[in-house]
C-alpha atoms as a PDB file:
ATOM      1  CA  MET A   1      31.996   2.855   6.112  1.00  0.00           C
ATOM      2  CA  ASN A   2      29.328   3.471   3.481  1.00  0.00           C
ATOM      3  CA  SER A   3      29.853   6.762   1.649  1.00  0.00           C
ATOM      4  CA  ASN A   4      26.344   6.668   0.162  1.00  0.00           C
ATOM      5  CA  ALA A   5      24.493   7.460   3.410  1.00  0.00           C
ATOM      6  CA  VAL A   6      21.258   9.315   2.664  1.00  0.00           C
ATOM      7  CA  ILE A   7      17.883  10.214   4.171  1.00  0.00           C
ATOM      8  CA  ALA A   8      14.604  10.878   2.335  1.00  0.00           C
ATOM      9  CA  ILE A   9      11.284  12.143   3.723  1.00  0.00           C
ATOM     10  CA  HIS A  10       7.707  12.842   2.668  1.00  0.00           C
ATOM     11  CA  GLY A  11       4.888  14.891   4.149  1.00  0.00           C
ATOM     12  CA  GLY A  12       1.823  14.025   2.094  1.00  0.00           C
ATOM     13  CA  ALA A  13       0.776  13.851  -1.555  1.00  0.00           C
ATOM     14  CA  GLY A  14      -2.074  15.282  -3.598  1.00  0.00           C
ATOM     15  CA  THR A  15      -3.319  17.612  -6.299  1.00  0.00           C
ATOM     16  CA  ILE A  16      -1.596  20.932  -6.907  1.00  0.00           C
ATOM     17  CA  LEU A  17      -3.729  23.885  -5.886  1.00  0.00           C
ATOM     18  CA  ARG A  18      -4.022  25.872  -9.128  1.00  0.00           C
ATOM     19  CA  THR A  19      -5.757  28.930  -7.677  1.00  0.00           C
ATOM     20  CA  SER A  20      -4.728  31.380  -4.969  1.00  0.00           C
ATOM     21  CA  MET A  21      -1.439  29.615  -4.378  1.00  0.00           C
ATOM     22  CA  SER A  22       0.503  31.242  -1.562  1.00  0.00           C
ATOM     23  CA  ALA A  23       4.219  31.764  -2.191  1.00  0.00           C
ATOM     24  CA  SER A  24       4.775  32.231   1.534  1.00  0.00           C
ATOM     25  CA  ALA A  25       3.064  28.919   2.323  1.00  0.00           C
ATOM     26  CA  GLU A  26       5.166  27.187  -0.293  1.00  0.00           C
ATOM     27  CA  ALA A  27       8.337  28.666   1.190  1.00  0.00           C
ATOM     28  CA  GLU A  28       7.237  27.557   4.668  1.00  0.00           C
ATOM     29  CA  TYR A  29       6.884  23.954   3.502  1.00  0.00           C
ATOM     30  CA  HIS A  30      10.281  23.983   1.803  1.00  0.00           C
ATOM     31  CA  ALA A  31      11.878  25.425   4.953  1.00  0.00           C
ATOM     32  CA  ALA A  32      10.241  22.787   7.170  1.00  0.00           C
ATOM     33  CA  LEU A  33      11.320  19.919   4.904  1.00  0.00           C
ATOM     34  CA  ASN A  34      14.849  21.337   4.720  1.00  0.00           C
ATOM     35  CA  ALA A  35      15.133  21.602   8.505  1.00  0.00           C
ATOM     36  CA  VAL A  36      13.975  18.005   9.018  1.00  0.00           C
ATOM     37  CA  LEU A  37      16.357  16.681   6.365  1.00  0.00           C
ATOM     38  CA  SER A  38      19.252  18.623   7.861  1.00  0.00           C
ATOM     39  CA  ALA A  39      18.567  17.104  11.275  1.00  0.00           C
ATOM     40  CA  GLY A  40      18.473  13.574   9.855  1.00  0.00           C
ATOM     41  CA  GLN A  41      21.602  14.289   7.854  1.00  0.00           C
ATOM     42  CA  ARG A  42      23.426  15.313  11.050  1.00  0.00           C
ATOM     43  CA  VAL A  43      22.483  12.039  12.730  1.00  0.00           C
ATOM     44  CA  LEU A  44      23.956  10.083   9.820  1.00  0.00           C
ATOM     45  CA  ALA A  45      27.068  12.295   9.620  1.00  0.00           C
ATOM     46  CA  ASP A  46      27.766  11.625  13.300  1.00  0.00           C
ATOM     47  CA  GLY A  47      27.702   7.878  12.630  1.00  0.00           C
ATOM     48  CA  GLY A  48      24.154   7.388  13.914  1.00  0.00           C
ATOM     49  CA  SER A  49      22.058   4.484  12.694  1.00  0.00           C
ATOM     50  CA  ALA A  50      19.423   4.663   9.978  1.00  0.00           C
ATOM     51  CA  LEU A  51      16.937   3.854  12.741  1.00  0.00           C
ATOM     52  CA  ASP A  52      18.092   6.927  14.695  1.00  0.00           C
ATOM     53  CA  ALA A  53      17.870   9.127  11.594  1.00  0.00           C
ATOM     54  CA  VAL A  54      14.311   8.160  10.635  1.00  0.00           C
ATOM     55  CA  SER A  55      13.175   8.383  14.269  1.00  0.00           C
ATOM     56  CA  GLU A  56      14.477  11.936  14.554  1.00  0.00           C
ATOM     57  CA  ALA A  57      13.101  13.017  11.178  1.00  0.00           C
ATOM     58  CA  VAL A  58       9.614  11.717  11.873  1.00  0.00           C
ATOM     59  CA  ARG A  59       9.641  13.115  15.422  1.00  0.00           C
ATOM     60  CA  LEU A  60      10.326  16.567  13.983  1.00  0.00           C
ATOM     61  CA  LEU A  61       7.590  16.130  11.368  1.00  0.00           C
ATOM     62  CA  GLU A  62       5.185  15.163  14.174  1.00  0.00           C
ATOM     63  CA  ASP A  63       6.082  18.371  16.013  1.00  0.00           C
ATOM     64  CA  CYS A  64       5.454  20.541  12.918  1.00  0.00           C
ATOM     65  CA  ALA A  65       1.856  21.794  12.610  1.00  0.00           C
ATOM     66  CA  LEU A  66       2.101  21.896   8.798  1.00  0.00           C
ATOM     67  CA  PHE A  67       1.779  18.123   8.573  1.00  0.00           C
ATOM     68  CA  ASN A  68      -0.919  15.617   9.542  1.00  0.00           C
ATOM     69  CA  ALA A  69       0.936  13.833  12.347  1.00  0.00           C
ATOM     70  CA  GLY A  70       1.358  14.733  16.010  1.00  0.00           C
ATOM     71  CA  HIS A  71       0.692  18.429  16.634  1.00  0.00           C
ATOM     72  CA  GLY A  72      -1.457  19.401  13.660  1.00  0.00           C
ATOM     73  CA  ALA A  73      -3.168  16.013  13.264  1.00  0.00           C
ATOM     74  CA  VAL A  74      -6.674  15.976  11.801  1.00  0.00           C
ATOM     75  CA  TYR A  75      -9.854  15.438  13.848  1.00  0.00           C
ATOM     76  CA  THR A  76     -11.945  12.278  14.150  1.00  0.00           C
ATOM     77  CA  ALA A  77     -15.742  12.310  13.884  1.00  0.00           C
ATOM     78  CA  ALA A  78     -15.784  12.641  17.684  1.00  0.00           C
ATOM     79  CA  GLY A  79     -13.661  15.792  17.598  1.00  0.00           C
ATOM     80  CA  THR A  80     -10.601  14.008  18.999  1.00  0.00           C
ATOM     81  CA  HIS A  81      -7.248  12.939  17.568  1.00  0.00           C
ATOM     82  CA  GLU A  82      -6.079   9.346  17.070  1.00  0.00           C
ATOM     83  CA  LEU A  83      -2.484   8.807  16.034  1.00  0.00           C
ATOM     84  CA  ASP A  84      -0.686   5.903  14.344  1.00  0.00           C
ATOM     85  CA  ALA A  85       3.013   5.229  13.696  1.00  0.00           C
ATOM     86  CA  ALA A  86       5.391   2.451  12.673  1.00  0.00           C
ATOM     87  CA  ILE A  87       9.123   1.915  12.313  1.00  0.00           C
ATOM     88  CA  MET A  88      11.247  -0.925  10.904  1.00  0.00           C
ATOM     89  CA  ASP A  89      14.930  -1.857  11.102  1.00  0.00           C
ATOM     90  CA  GLY A  90      16.285  -3.276   7.837  1.00  0.00           C
ATOM     91  CA  ARG A  91      19.255  -4.860   9.601  1.00  0.00           C
ATOM     92  CA  THR A  92      17.205  -7.219  11.782  1.00  0.00           C
ATOM     93  CA  LEU A  93      13.686  -6.968  10.300  1.00  0.00           C
ATOM     94  CA  ASP A  94      12.538  -5.920  13.762  1.00  0.00           C
ATOM     95  CA  ALA A  95       9.505  -3.618  13.703  1.00  0.00           C
ATOM     96  CA  GLY A  96       7.327  -1.675  16.114  1.00  0.00           C
ATOM     97  CA  ALA A  97       4.001   0.075  15.681  1.00  0.00           C
ATOM     98  CA  ILE A  98       1.221   1.746  17.634  1.00  0.00           C
ATOM     99  CA  CYS A  99      -2.235   2.882  16.583  1.00  0.00           C
ATOM    100  CA  CYS A 100      -5.212   4.832  17.929  1.00  0.00           C
ATOM    101  CA  VAL A 101      -3.223   6.590  20.656  1.00  0.00           C
ATOM    102  CA  LYS A 102      -4.585   9.892  21.951  1.00  0.00           C
ATOM    103  CA  ARG A 103      -2.055  11.209  24.479  1.00  0.00           C
ATOM    104  CA  VAL A 104       1.425  10.157  23.360  1.00  0.00           C
ATOM    105  CA  ARG A 105       3.187  13.319  22.197  1.00  0.00           C
ATOM    106  CA  ASN A 106       5.400  11.552  19.659  1.00  0.00           C
ATOM    107  CA  PRO A 107       3.890   8.289  18.420  1.00  0.00           C
ATOM    108  CA  ILE A 108       7.027   7.406  16.458  1.00  0.00           C
ATOM    109  CA  LEU A 109       9.017   7.236  19.709  1.00  0.00           C
ATOM    110  CA  ALA A 110       6.453   4.812  21.112  1.00  0.00           C
ATOM    111  CA  ALA A 111       6.727   2.676  17.979  1.00  0.00           C
ATOM    112  CA  ARG A 112      10.516   2.678  18.392  1.00  0.00           C
ATOM    113  CA  ARG A 113      10.164   1.446  21.989  1.00  0.00           C
ATOM    114  CA  VAL A 114       7.864  -1.355  20.805  1.00  0.00           C
ATOM    115  CA  LEU A 115      10.584  -2.390  18.342  1.00  0.00           C
ATOM    116  CA  GLU A 116      13.334  -2.311  20.942  1.00  0.00           C
ATOM    117  CA  ARG A 117      11.669  -3.378  24.173  1.00  0.00           C
ATOM    118  CA  SER A 118       8.720  -5.616  23.364  1.00  0.00           C
ATOM    119  CA  ASP A 119       8.206  -9.109  21.992  1.00  0.00           C
ATOM    120  CA  HIS A 120       5.226  -7.738  20.061  1.00  0.00           C
ATOM    121  CA  VAL A 121       5.033  -5.626  16.901  1.00  0.00           C
ATOM    122  CA  LEU A 122       1.759  -3.683  17.175  1.00  0.00           C
ATOM    123  CA  PHE A 123      -0.085  -2.193  20.157  1.00  0.00           C
ATOM    124  CA  THR A 124      -3.423  -0.382  19.945  1.00  0.00           C
ATOM    125  CA  GLY A 125      -5.390   2.162  21.963  1.00  0.00           C
ATOM    126  CA  GLU A 126      -5.214   1.899  25.734  1.00  0.00           C
ATOM    127  CA  GLY A 127      -2.703  -0.945  25.584  1.00  0.00           C
ATOM    128  CA  ALA A 128      -0.396   1.145  23.431  1.00  0.00           C
ATOM    129  CA  GLU A 129      -0.653   4.079  25.834  1.00  0.00           C
ATOM    130  CA  ALA A 130      -0.021   1.852  28.854  1.00  0.00           C
ATOM    131  CA  PHE A 131       3.109   0.510  27.155  1.00  0.00           C
ATOM    132  CA  ALA A 132       4.285   4.032  26.248  1.00  0.00           C
ATOM    133  CA  ALA A 133       3.695   5.219  29.831  1.00  0.00           C
ATOM    134  CA  ALA A 134       5.693   2.291  31.204  1.00  0.00           C
ATOM    135  CA  GLN A 135       8.536   3.363  28.890  1.00  0.00           C
ATOM    136  CA  GLY A 136       8.509   6.861  30.370  1.00  0.00           C
ATOM    137  CA  LEU A 137       7.489   8.627  27.151  1.00  0.00           C
ATOM    138  CA  GLU A 138       6.021  12.127  27.212  1.00  0.00           C
ATOM    139  CA  PHE A 139       2.235  12.367  27.452  1.00  0.00           C
ATOM    140  CA  VAL A 140       0.067  15.383  26.568  1.00  0.00           C
ATOM    141  CA  ASP A 141      -3.614  16.238  26.712  1.00  0.00           C
ATOM    142  CA  ASN A 142      -5.407  15.361  23.470  1.00  0.00           C
ATOM    143  CA  SER A 143      -5.937  19.098  22.900  1.00  0.00           C
ATOM    144  CA  TYR A 144      -2.168  19.476  22.368  1.00  0.00           C
ATOM    145  CA  PHE A 145      -2.711  18.150  18.846  1.00  0.00           C
ATOM    146  CA  ASP A 146      -5.342  20.836  18.056  1.00  0.00           C
ATOM    147  CA  THR A 147      -4.807  23.549  15.462  1.00  0.00           C
ATOM    148  CA  ASP A 148      -7.332  26.154  14.302  1.00  0.00           C
ATOM    149  CA  ALA A 149      -6.896  25.231  10.646  1.00  0.00           C
ATOM    150  CA  ARG A 150      -7.611  21.535  11.260  1.00  0.00           C
ATOM    151  CA  TYR A 151     -10.619  22.426  13.421  1.00  0.00           C
ATOM    152  CA  ARG A 152     -12.205  24.484  10.655  1.00  0.00           C
ATOM    153  CA  GLN A 153     -11.563  21.690   8.180  1.00  0.00           C
ATOM    154  CA  TRP A 154     -13.288  19.260  10.538  1.00  0.00           C
ATOM    155  CA  GLN A 155     -16.298  21.546  10.884  1.00  0.00           C
ATOM    156  CA  LEU A 156     -16.728  21.629   7.116  1.00  0.00           C
ATOM    157  CA  ALA A 157     -16.287  17.861   6.878  1.00  0.00           C
ATOM    158  CA  ARG A 158     -19.032  17.422   9.483  1.00  0.00           C
ATOM    159  CA  GLU A 159     -21.367  19.646   7.481  1.00  0.00           C
ATOM    160  CA  GLN A 160     -20.797  17.400   4.475  1.00  0.00           C
ATOM    161  CA  GLN A 161     -21.240  14.329   6.715  1.00  0.00           C
ATOM    162  CA  ARG A 162     -18.345  12.303   5.363  1.00  0.00           C
ATOM    163  CA  PRO A 163     -14.704  11.579   6.115  1.00  0.00           C
ATOM    164  CA  MET A 164     -12.260  13.661   4.096  1.00  0.00           C
ATOM    165  CA  LEU A 165      -8.665  12.952   3.285  1.00  0.00           C
ATOM    166  CA  ASP A 166      -6.263  14.968   5.405  1.00  0.00           C
ATOM    167  CA  HIS A 167      -6.827  18.726   5.092  1.00  0.00           C
ATOM    168  CA  ASP A 168     -10.106  18.398   3.181  1.00  0.00           C
ATOM    169  CA  ALA A 169     -12.217  21.556   2.940  1.00  0.00           C
ATOM    170  CA  ALA A 170      -9.497  24.079   3.747  1.00  0.00           C
ATOM    171  CA  THR A 171     -10.086  25.844   0.439  1.00  0.00           C
ATOM    172  CA  LEU A 172     -13.778  26.156   1.263  1.00  0.00           C
ATOM    173  CA  ALA A 173     -12.906  27.281   4.763  1.00  0.00           C
ATOM    174  CA  SER A 174     -10.815  30.117   3.391  1.00  0.00           C
ATOM    175  CA  THR A 175     -13.822  31.544   1.554  1.00  0.00           C
ATOM    176  CA  SER A 176     -16.734  30.500   3.772  1.00  0.00           C
ATOM    177  CA  PRO A 177     -18.330  33.234   5.896  1.00  0.00           C
ATOM    178  CA  ASN A 178     -18.203  33.145   9.698  1.00  0.00           C
ATOM    179  CA  ASN A 179     -15.153  30.922   9.770  1.00  0.00           C
ATOM    180  CA  GLY A 180     -12.795  33.374  11.405  1.00  0.00           C
ATOM    181  CA  ASP A 181      -9.578  34.433   9.747  1.00  0.00           C
ATOM    182  CA  PRO A 182      -8.910  33.133   6.236  1.00  0.00           C
ATOM    183  CA  MET A 183      -6.941  29.927   6.069  1.00  0.00           C
ATOM    184  CA  PRO A 184      -3.633  30.165   4.202  1.00  0.00           C
ATOM    185  CA  HIS A 185      -3.615  28.080   1.050  1.00  0.00           C
ATOM    186  CA  GLU A 186      -1.238  25.159   0.856  1.00  0.00           C
ATOM    187  CA  PRO A 187       0.801  24.312  -2.257  1.00  0.00           C
ATOM    188  CA  ILE A 188      -1.040  20.973  -2.373  1.00  0.00           C
ATOM    189  CA  ASP A 189      -4.833  21.325  -2.694  1.00  0.00           C
ATOM    190  CA  PRO A 190      -6.173  20.477   0.778  1.00  0.00           C
ATOM    191  CA  ASN A 191      -9.321  19.039  -0.829  1.00  0.00           C
ATOM    192  CA  ARG A 192      -7.265  16.384  -2.594  1.00  0.00           C
ATOM    193  CA  LYS A 193      -4.388  15.727  -0.217  1.00  0.00           C
ATOM    194  CA  PHE A 194      -3.339  12.471   1.431  1.00  0.00           C
ATOM    195  CA  GLY A 195      -1.573  13.228   4.662  1.00  0.00           C
ATOM    196  CA  THR A 196       1.084  11.111   6.297  1.00  0.00           C
ATOM    197  CA  VAL A 197       4.717  11.779   7.164  1.00  0.00           C
ATOM    198  CA  GLY A 198       7.599   9.389   6.769  1.00  0.00           C
ATOM    199  CA  ALA A 199      11.324   8.858   6.385  1.00  0.00           C
ATOM    200  CA  VAL A 200      13.751   6.277   5.019  1.00  0.00           C
ATOM    201  CA  ALA A 201      17.507   6.181   5.465  1.00  0.00           C
ATOM    202  CA  LEU A 202      20.723   4.345   4.640  1.00  0.00           C
ATOM    203  CA  ASP A 203      23.415   4.831   7.279  1.00  0.00           C
ATOM    204  CA  ARG A 204      27.218   4.802   7.077  1.00  0.00           C
ATOM    205  CA  HIS A 205      27.255   1.185   8.270  1.00  0.00           C
ATOM    206  CA  GLY A 206      25.186   0.083   5.255  1.00  0.00           C
ATOM    207  CA  HIS A 207      21.907  -0.477   7.120  1.00  0.00           C
ATOM    208  CA  LEU A 208      18.398   0.659   6.171  1.00  0.00           C
ATOM    209  CA  ALA A 209      15.357   1.819   8.174  1.00  0.00           C
ATOM    210  CA  ALA A 210      11.900   3.268   7.528  1.00  0.00           C
ATOM    211  CA  ALA A 211       9.336   5.100   9.664  1.00  0.00           C
ATOM    212  CA  THR A 212       5.829   6.494   9.074  1.00  0.00           C
ATOM    213  CA  SER A 213       3.355   8.492  11.211  1.00  0.00           C
ATOM    214  CA  THR A 214      -0.125   9.970  10.722  1.00  0.00           C
ATOM    215  CA  GLY A 215      -3.216  11.505  12.269  1.00  0.00           C
ATOM    216  CA  GLY A 216      -5.453   9.626   9.817  1.00  0.00           C
ATOM    217  CA  VAL A 217      -8.229  11.243   7.785  1.00  0.00           C
ATOM    218  CA  THR A 218     -10.473  14.160   8.735  1.00  0.00           C
ATOM    219  CA  ASN A 219     -13.782  13.115  10.344  1.00  0.00           C
ATOM    220  CA  LYS A 220     -12.819   9.431  10.275  1.00  0.00           C
ATOM    221  CA  GLN A 221     -14.783   7.007  12.417  1.00  0.00           C
ATOM    222  CA  VAL A 222     -13.209   6.507  15.811  1.00  0.00           C
ATOM    223  CA  GLY A 223     -11.094   3.364  15.729  1.00  0.00           C
ATOM    224  CA  ARG A 224     -10.376   3.454  11.992  1.00  0.00           C
ATOM    225  CA  VAL A 225      -6.803   2.374  11.263  1.00  0.00           C
ATOM    226  CA  GLY A 226      -5.119   3.021   7.912  1.00  0.00           C
ATOM    227  CA  ASP A 227      -1.954   1.719   6.344  1.00  0.00           C
ATOM    228  CA  THR A 228       0.546   3.722   8.419  1.00  0.00           C
ATOM    229  CA  PRO A 229       1.023   1.317  11.385  1.00  0.00           C
ATOM    230  CA  LEU A 230       0.795  -1.825   9.269  1.00  0.00           C
ATOM    231  CA  ILE A 231       4.214  -3.257   8.454  1.00  0.00           C
ATOM    232  CA  GLY A 232       4.391  -3.859   4.717  1.00  0.00           C
ATOM    233  CA  ALA A 233       1.701  -1.317   3.893  1.00  0.00           C
ATOM    234  CA  GLY A 234       2.806   1.957   5.489  1.00  0.00           C
ATOM    235  CA  CYS A 235       6.495   1.136   5.832  1.00  0.00           C
ATOM    236  CA  TYR A 236       8.982  -1.641   5.254  1.00  0.00           C
ATOM    237  CA  ALA A 237      12.761  -2.061   5.496  1.00  0.00           C
ATOM    238  CA  ASP A 238      15.117  -4.914   4.639  1.00  0.00           C
ATOM    239  CA  ASP A 239      18.870  -4.540   4.116  1.00  0.00           C
ATOM    240  CA  ALA A 240      18.588  -7.131   1.339  1.00  0.00           C
ATOM    241  CA  THR A 241      16.447  -4.801  -0.769  1.00  0.00           C
ATOM    242  CA  CYS A 242      15.231  -1.377   0.355  1.00  0.00           C
ATOM    243  CA  ALA A 243      13.456   0.856   2.879  1.00  0.00           C
ATOM    244  CA  VAL A 244      10.040   2.327   1.979  1.00  0.00           C
ATOM    245  CA  SER A 245       7.604   4.804   3.563  1.00  0.00           C
ATOM    246  CA  THR A 246       4.257   5.495   1.888  1.00  0.00           C
ATOM    247  CA  THR A 247       1.615   8.224   1.829  1.00  0.00           C
ATOM    248  CA  GLY A 248      -1.769   8.022   0.153  1.00  0.00           C
ATOM    249  CA  SER A 249      -5.231   6.508   0.211  1.00  0.00           C
ATOM    250  CA  GLY A 250      -4.544   4.163   3.107  1.00  0.00           C
ATOM    251  CA  GLU A 251      -7.084   1.468   2.374  1.00  0.00           C
ATOM    252  CA  MET A 252      -5.659   0.993  -1.124  1.00  0.00           C
ATOM    253  CA  PHE A 253      -2.067   0.836   0.138  1.00  0.00           C
ATOM    254  CA  MET A 254      -3.207  -1.799   2.657  1.00  0.00           C
ATOM    255  CA  ARG A 255      -4.879  -3.893  -0.020  1.00  0.00           C
ATOM    256  CA  MET A 256      -1.751  -3.760  -2.188  1.00  0.00           C
ATOM    257  CA  VAL A 257       0.686  -4.203   0.730  1.00  0.00           C
ATOM    258  CA  ALA A 258       2.420  -1.425  -1.176  1.00  0.00           C
ATOM    259  CA  ALA A 259       5.620  -0.903   0.789  1.00  0.00           C
ATOM    260  CA  TYR A 260       6.461  -4.606   0.905  1.00  0.00           C
ATOM    261  CA  ASP A 261       5.612  -5.014  -2.770  1.00  0.00           C
ATOM    262  CA  VAL A 262       8.494  -2.708  -3.707  1.00  0.00           C
ATOM    263  CA  ALA A 263      10.939  -4.885  -1.757  1.00  0.00           C
ATOM    264  CA  ALA A 264       9.377  -8.115  -3.034  1.00  0.00           C
ATOM    265  CA  GLN A 265       9.616  -7.058  -6.667  1.00  0.00           C
ATOM    266  CA  MET A 266      13.294  -6.208  -6.184  1.00  0.00           C
ATOM    267  CA  ALA A 267      13.930  -9.628  -4.618  1.00  0.00           C
ATOM    268  CA  TYR A 268      11.842 -11.850  -6.873  1.00  0.00           C
ATOM    269  CA  ARG A 269      11.996 -10.017 -10.205  1.00  0.00           C
ATOM    270  CA  GLN A 270      15.620  -8.903  -9.698  1.00  0.00           C
ATOM    271  CA  ILE A 271      14.777  -5.353 -10.781  1.00  0.00           C
ATOM    272  CA  SER A 272      16.036  -1.979  -9.549  1.00  0.00           C
ATOM    273  CA  LEU A 273      14.543   0.121  -6.758  1.00  0.00           C
ATOM    274  CA  GLU A 274      13.345   2.652  -9.321  1.00  0.00           C
ATOM    275  CA  GLU A 275      11.619   0.048 -11.487  1.00  0.00           C
ATOM    276  CA  ALA A 276       9.916  -1.627  -8.526  1.00  0.00           C
ATOM    277  CA  ALA A 277       8.691   1.611  -6.953  1.00  0.00           C
ATOM    278  CA  LEU A 278       7.383   2.959 -10.252  1.00  0.00           C
ATOM    279  CA  ASP A 279       5.502  -0.285 -10.941  1.00  0.00           C
ATOM    280  CA  VAL A 280       3.762  -0.158  -7.556  1.00  0.00           C
ATOM    281  CA  VAL A 281       2.900   3.550  -7.673  1.00  0.00           C
ATOM    282  CA  MET A 282       2.161   4.025 -11.367  1.00  0.00           C
ATOM    283  CA  ASN A 283       0.760   0.622 -12.410  1.00  0.00           C
ATOM    284  CA  ARG A 284      -0.521  -1.464  -9.521  1.00  0.00           C
ATOM    285  CA  LEU A 285      -2.074   1.103  -7.155  1.00  0.00           C
ATOM    286  CA  PRO A 286      -4.042   2.976  -9.855  1.00  0.00           C
ATOM    287  CA  LYS A 287      -5.844  -0.267 -10.768  1.00  0.00           C
ATOM    288  CA  ILE A 288      -7.802   0.082  -7.510  1.00  0.00           C
ATOM    289  CA  ASP A 289      -7.831   3.905  -7.529  1.00  0.00           C
ATOM    290  CA  GLY A 290      -4.890   4.047  -5.128  1.00  0.00           C
ATOM    291  CA  ARG A 291      -3.521   7.584  -5.037  1.00  0.00           C
ATOM    292  CA  GLY A 292      -0.388   8.873  -3.361  1.00  0.00           C
ATOM    293  CA  GLY A 293       3.294   8.052  -3.388  1.00  0.00           C
ATOM    294  CA  LEU A 294       6.299   6.817  -1.459  1.00  0.00           C
ATOM    295  CA  VAL A 295       9.927   7.497  -0.671  1.00  0.00           C
ATOM    296  CA  ALA A 296      12.453   4.672  -0.821  1.00  0.00           C
ATOM    297  CA  VAL A 297      16.193   4.014  -0.650  1.00  0.00           C
ATOM    298  CA  ASP A 298      18.222   0.884  -1.370  1.00  0.00           C
ATOM    299  CA  VAL A 299      21.454  -0.407   0.149  1.00  0.00           C
ATOM    300  CA  HIS A 300      23.494   1.274  -2.604  1.00  0.00           C
ATOM    301  CA  GLY A 301      22.114   4.701  -1.735  1.00  0.00           C
ATOM    302  CA  ASN A 302      19.763   4.951  -4.704  1.00  0.00           C
ATOM    303  CA  VAL A 303      16.749   7.099  -3.837  1.00  0.00           C
ATOM    304  CA  THR A 304      13.334   7.256  -5.506  1.00  0.00           C
ATOM    305  CA  LEU A 305      10.317   9.423  -4.643  1.00  0.00           C
ATOM    306  CA  PRO A 306       7.507   8.492  -7.064  1.00  0.00           C
ATOM    307  CA  PHE A 307       3.893   9.647  -6.767  1.00  0.00           C
ATOM    308  CA  ASN A 308       0.822   9.395  -8.989  1.00  0.00           C
ATOM    309  CA  THR A 309      -0.750  12.633  -7.786  1.00  0.00           C
ATOM    310  CA  GLU A 310       0.251  16.072  -9.029  1.00  0.00           C
ATOM    311  CA  GLY A 311       2.420  16.803  -6.017  1.00  0.00           C
ATOM    312  CA  MET A 312       4.063  15.353  -2.916  1.00  0.00           C
ATOM    313  CA  TYR A 313       5.937  17.133  -0.140  1.00  0.00           C
ATOM    314  CA  ARG A 314       9.308  15.408  -0.300  1.00  0.00           C
ATOM    315  CA  GLY A 315      13.066  15.695  -0.147  1.00  0.00           C
ATOM    316  CA  PHE A 316      16.366  13.898   0.379  1.00  0.00           C
ATOM    317  CA  ALA A 317      19.810  14.701   1.735  1.00  0.00           C
ATOM    318  CA  ARG A 318      23.117  12.958   1.096  1.00  0.00           C
ATOM    319  CA  LEU A 319      26.113  13.385   3.368  1.00  0.00           C
ATOM    320  CA  GLY A 320      28.117  16.469   2.476  1.00  0.00           C
ATOM    321  CA  GLU A 321      25.451  17.822   0.117  1.00  0.00           C
ATOM    322  CA  ALA A 322      22.687  20.400   0.556  1.00  0.00           C
ATOM    323  CA  PRO A 323      19.196  18.931   1.084  1.00  0.00           C
ATOM    324  CA  VAL A 324      16.924  18.815  -1.958  1.00  0.00           C
ATOM    325  CA  THR A 325      13.220  19.534  -1.394  1.00  0.00           C
ATOM    326  CA  ALA A 326      10.271  19.522  -3.788  1.00  0.00           C
ATOM    327  CA  ILE A 327       6.492  19.777  -3.900  1.00  0.00           C
ATOM    328  CA  TYR A 328       5.463  19.488  -7.544  1.00  0.00           C
ATOM    329  CA  ARG A 329       6.394  17.111 -10.366  1.00  0.00           C
END
């Protein structure tokens, strides 16, 4: 049995909000991250697989309105929600993903079913929902994903007539007249935040897994798909190297195949997890204005959580140790 079992998660990256920072909001984020890590830690402690641990962690992140995935997802230009998710098993290199679903309560569970019960890797839209329904997964009305805060952000994005990353315009919403109650400030500036959730884990059997989920970007065109459900961009896992889950400017992470690049550099350059992840996040992505970060773990239990923004909601938990959570550098 591997004594280095560990889980790491992220919930979005961005610029630290320097003004009107709310201590209560900051505490709420730390508490949410801690609860998710503790749940994943319990799965691993009970001998569960890395796949089980990342599935549970991301499911809980989807159910938490603080993050842009599941309940609390951002709005499309049409005023709806479209959700994407992916998961990968480092033991077998099996993967499953779904994108542009509107009624699946937990997209990560649908992605897991694709991995386990389909010959395919990626389903989209109506086909993805038909597959999820055939698997008996829970469906909800699209309004289940609504939150007042995201709605106000969408309204402001519409006024500016452009898509905005994640919680864009929440700071404006908190001070704009006729917008209802003030919006609580987040530790990460909602105007410069890249929202995705994800998890990576190494289990007691020495296997790796990664999972990622998102609601996309505020006011995005209907049908836009980012890096999250694309294996190699939004997540990647291979027992021979590492497990990676990313968060950031999706189009740039797609163009760099960022998650896979970490694993590839470890394999081909024979460098450490830390070196590979730092090269991708700090050197390669910035060359095309790629902003964000990732969480990753290797088969030895080494964990890295680099980001090139000022902050990233993140944390990790080793067996028998208290979870560690962080927001800023």
